[in-house]
Every structure is written in C-alpha cells, then in structure tokens.
Amino acid sequence: AGGFGGASNNGYWLYTNRYYWTMSPYYYYYDGSSGQRATVFDVIGSGSLRHDSVYWDVPGARPVINLKASTTFTFDNNKPVGTSTNPYIVETS
C-alpha cells in the first residue's frame, strides 16, 4: 500500500496525519504477567508504519479488505454514494 516502517510518507492512501490501527497482525506472544498479547501494525501521524501492542492508546482503526482485480463498483451518480439508501454495489467475476 506504500507504507514502510520508519519512513514518513504523506503521499499514499493510508496517510491521514493521525494515528490509527490497521487490522494487520505483526505477531502474537504470551506475556507471563498479563497473558496473551497481540502486536499489530499502526500508522503514525507522519504516515510511517510501526508495530505496537494493542493495549497502547491509539484512537481509532481503519480496516482494510483486499479485492480481486475484476471487482467492479456501481452506484447511482444522482444520489449521495455509500449511504444506507444508496450503497455501493460490489461485484466480482
């Protein structure tokens, strides 16, 4: 997606100038005092990727899904897009 650990990047689609979690795991481990821990990737304000334990206080998450190249989106151009009354229609062949 254009993100690299330790490299600022404000020119790709994950950049928002804010901190947030991704849904991509980095690793799982057992912390003897606290039990199971998950470490996931987060994007920091500069657009750089890093990984940190999920108990760290990041104010949001931006889930990402991957779609096949043959996926198409359709919608009514005369109405607001992506609403409950005019949702995106996602189709794949």
C-alpha atoms as a PDB file:
ATOM      1  CA  ALA A   1       0.000   0.000   0.000  1.00  0.00           C
ATOM      2  CA  GLY A   2       3.020   2.268   0.115  1.00  0.00           C
ATOM      3  CA  GLY A   3       3.796   2.242   3.817  1.00  0.00           C
ATOM      4  CA  PHE A   4       7.214   1.453   5.238  1.00  0.00           C
ATOM      5  CA  GLY A   5       8.411   1.123   8.792  1.00  0.00           C
ATOM      6  CA  GLY A   6      10.435   4.113   9.924  1.00  0.00           C
ATOM      7  CA  ALA A   7       9.802   6.090   6.720  1.00  0.00           C
ATOM      8  CA  SER A   8       7.478   9.106   6.659  1.00  0.00           C
ATOM      9  CA  ASN A   9       5.109   9.111   3.701  1.00  0.00           C
ATOM     10  CA  ASN A  10       2.288  11.597   3.246  1.00  0.00           C
ATOM     11  CA  GLY A  11       1.631  10.665  -0.394  1.00  0.00           C
ATOM     12  CA  TYR A  12      -0.208   7.355  -0.115  1.00  0.00           C
ATOM     13  CA  TRP A  13      -3.749   6.334   0.718  1.00  0.00           C
ATOM     14  CA  LEU A  14      -3.076   5.267   4.322  1.00  0.00           C
ATOM     15  CA  TYR A  15      -1.819   8.741   5.273  1.00  0.00           C
ATOM     16  CA  THR A  16      -4.297  10.752   7.370  1.00  0.00           C
ATOM     17  CA  ASN A  17      -1.968  12.807   9.614  1.00  0.00           C
ATOM     18  CA  ARG A  18      -3.414  10.809  12.546  1.00  0.00           C
ATOM     19  CA  TYR A  19      -2.523   7.669  14.479  1.00  0.00           C
ATOM     20  CA  TYR A  20      -4.677   4.572  13.903  1.00  0.00           C
ATOM     21  CA  TRP A  21      -4.515   0.776  13.993  1.00  0.00           C
ATOM     22  CA  THR A  22      -4.606  -1.431  10.940  1.00  0.00           C
ATOM     23  CA  MET A  23      -6.020  -4.953  11.127  1.00  0.00           C
ATOM     24  CA  SER A  24      -2.723  -6.500  10.050  1.00  0.00           C
ATOM     25  CA  PRO A  25      -1.098  -8.563  12.800  1.00  0.00           C
ATOM     26  CA  TYR A  26       2.624  -8.360  13.416  1.00  0.00           C
ATOM     27  CA  TYR A  27       2.896 -11.195  15.937  1.00  0.00           C
ATOM     28  CA  TYR A  28       1.276 -12.787  18.968  1.00  0.00           C
ATOM     29  CA  TYR A  29       3.071 -13.616  22.176  1.00  0.00           C
ATOM     30  CA  TYR A  30       2.468 -14.673  25.742  1.00  0.00           C
ATOM     31  CA  ASP A  31       3.217 -12.154  28.460  1.00  0.00           C
ATOM     32  CA  GLY A  32       3.612 -14.135  31.680  1.00  0.00           C
ATOM     33  CA  SER A  33       2.052 -11.421  33.833  1.00  0.00           C
ATOM     34  CA  SER A  34      -0.779 -10.389  31.512  1.00  0.00           C
ATOM     35  CA  GLY A  35      -1.475 -13.409  29.302  1.00  0.00           C
ATOM     36  CA  GLN A  36      -1.877 -13.331  25.543  1.00  0.00           C
ATOM     37  CA  ARG A  37      -0.828 -10.181  23.708  1.00  0.00           C
ATOM     38  CA  ALA A  38      -1.273  -9.187  20.105  1.00  0.00           C
ATOM     39  CA  THR A  39       1.026  -6.808  18.303  1.00  0.00           C
ATOM     40  CA  VAL A  40      -0.400  -5.188  15.186  1.00  0.00           C
ATOM     41  CA  PHE A  41       0.691  -2.570  12.699  1.00  0.00           C
ATOM     42  CA  ASP A  42      -0.361   1.002  13.237  1.00  0.00           C
ATOM     43  CA  VAL A  43       0.136   4.108  11.129  1.00  0.00           C
ATOM     44  CA  ILE A  44       1.524   7.130  12.937  1.00  0.00           C
ATOM     45  CA  GLY A  45       0.894  10.775  12.135  1.00  0.00           C
ATOM     46  CA  SER A  46       3.782  11.008   9.649  1.00  0.00           C
ATOM     47  CA  GLY A  47       2.377   8.099   7.615  1.00  0.00           C
ATOM     48  CA  SER A  48       5.062   5.661   8.774  1.00  0.00           C
ATOM     49  CA  LEU A  49       4.127   2.105   9.737  1.00  0.00           C
ATOM     50  CA  ARG A  50       5.224   0.608  13.026  1.00  0.00           C
ATOM     51  CA  HIS A  51       4.039  -2.192  15.288  1.00  0.00           C
ATOM     52  CA  ASP A  52       2.954  -1.992  18.881  1.00  0.00           C
ATOM     53  CA  SER A  53       0.904  -3.919  21.430  1.00  0.00           C
ATOM     54  CA  VAL A  54      -2.811  -3.373  21.080  1.00  0.00           C
ATOM     55  CA  TYR A  55      -3.188  -2.053  24.621  1.00  0.00           C
ATOM     56  CA  TRP A  56      -1.357   1.143  23.560  1.00  0.00           C
ATOM     57  CA  ASP A  57      -3.759   4.100  23.284  1.00  0.00           C
ATOM     58  CA  VAL A  58      -4.347   4.725  19.581  1.00  0.00           C
ATOM     59  CA  PRO A  59      -7.673   6.469  18.969  1.00  0.00           C
ATOM     60  CA  GLY A  60      -9.018   4.510  16.011  1.00  0.00           C
ATOM     61  CA  ALA A  61      -8.814   1.690  13.493  1.00  0.00           C
ATOM     62  CA  ARG A  62      -9.125   1.580   9.719  1.00  0.00           C
ATOM     63  CA  PRO A  63      -9.950  -1.916   8.491  1.00  0.00           C
ATOM     64  CA  VAL A  64      -8.769  -2.855   5.025  1.00  0.00           C
ATOM     65  CA  ILE A  65     -10.065  -5.533   2.698  1.00  0.00           C
ATOM     66  CA  ASN A  66      -8.401  -6.784  -0.452  1.00  0.00           C
ATOM     67  CA  LEU A  67     -10.466  -7.292  -3.589  1.00  0.00           C
ATOM     68  CA  LYS A  68      -9.806  -9.164  -6.801  1.00  0.00           C
ATOM     69  CA  ALA A  69      -8.744  -7.041  -9.786  1.00  0.00           C
ATOM     70  CA  SER A  70     -12.008  -7.992 -11.535  1.00  0.00           C
ATOM     71  CA  THR A  71     -14.113  -6.304  -8.828  1.00  0.00           C
ATOM     72  CA  THR A  72     -16.436  -3.529 -10.001  1.00  0.00           C
ATOM     73  CA  PHE A  73     -18.385  -0.895  -8.087  1.00  0.00           C
ATOM     74  CA  THR A  74     -21.655   0.599  -9.274  1.00  0.00           C
ATOM     75  CA  PHE A  75     -23.849   3.305  -7.778  1.00  0.00           C
ATOM     76  CA  ASP A  76     -26.405   5.938  -8.751  1.00  0.00           C
ATOM     77  CA  ASN A  77     -24.487   9.120  -9.692  1.00  0.00           C
ATOM     78  CA  ASN A  78     -27.508  11.261  -8.890  1.00  0.00           C
ATOM     79  CA  LYS A  79     -27.559  10.387  -5.173  1.00  0.00           C
ATOM     80  CA  PRO A  80     -25.059  10.501  -2.308  1.00  0.00           C
ATOM     81  CA  VAL A  81     -22.845   7.428  -2.548  1.00  0.00           C
ATOM     82  CA  GLY A  82     -22.188   4.843   0.133  1.00  0.00           C
ATOM     83  CA  THR A  83     -25.277   5.525   2.234  1.00  0.00           C
ATOM     84  CA  SER A  84     -27.821   3.040   3.581  1.00  0.00           C
ATOM     85  CA  THR A  85     -30.287   4.143   0.881  1.00  0.00           C
ATOM     86  CA  ASN A  86     -27.707   4.180  -1.941  1.00  0.00           C
ATOM     87  CA  PRO A  87     -24.968   1.676  -1.057  1.00  0.00           C
ATOM     88  CA  TYR A  88     -22.041   0.765  -3.231  1.00  0.00           C
ATOM     89  CA  ILE A  89     -22.761  -2.417  -5.176  1.00  0.00           C
ATOM     90  CA  VAL A  90     -19.649  -4.589  -5.193  1.00  0.00           C
ATOM     91  CA  GLU A  91     -19.456  -7.350  -7.818  1.00  0.00           C
ATOM     92  CA  THR A  92     -16.687  -9.688  -8.820  1.00  0.00           C
ATOM     93  CA  SER A  93     -16.452 -12.089 -11.706  1.00  0.00           C
END
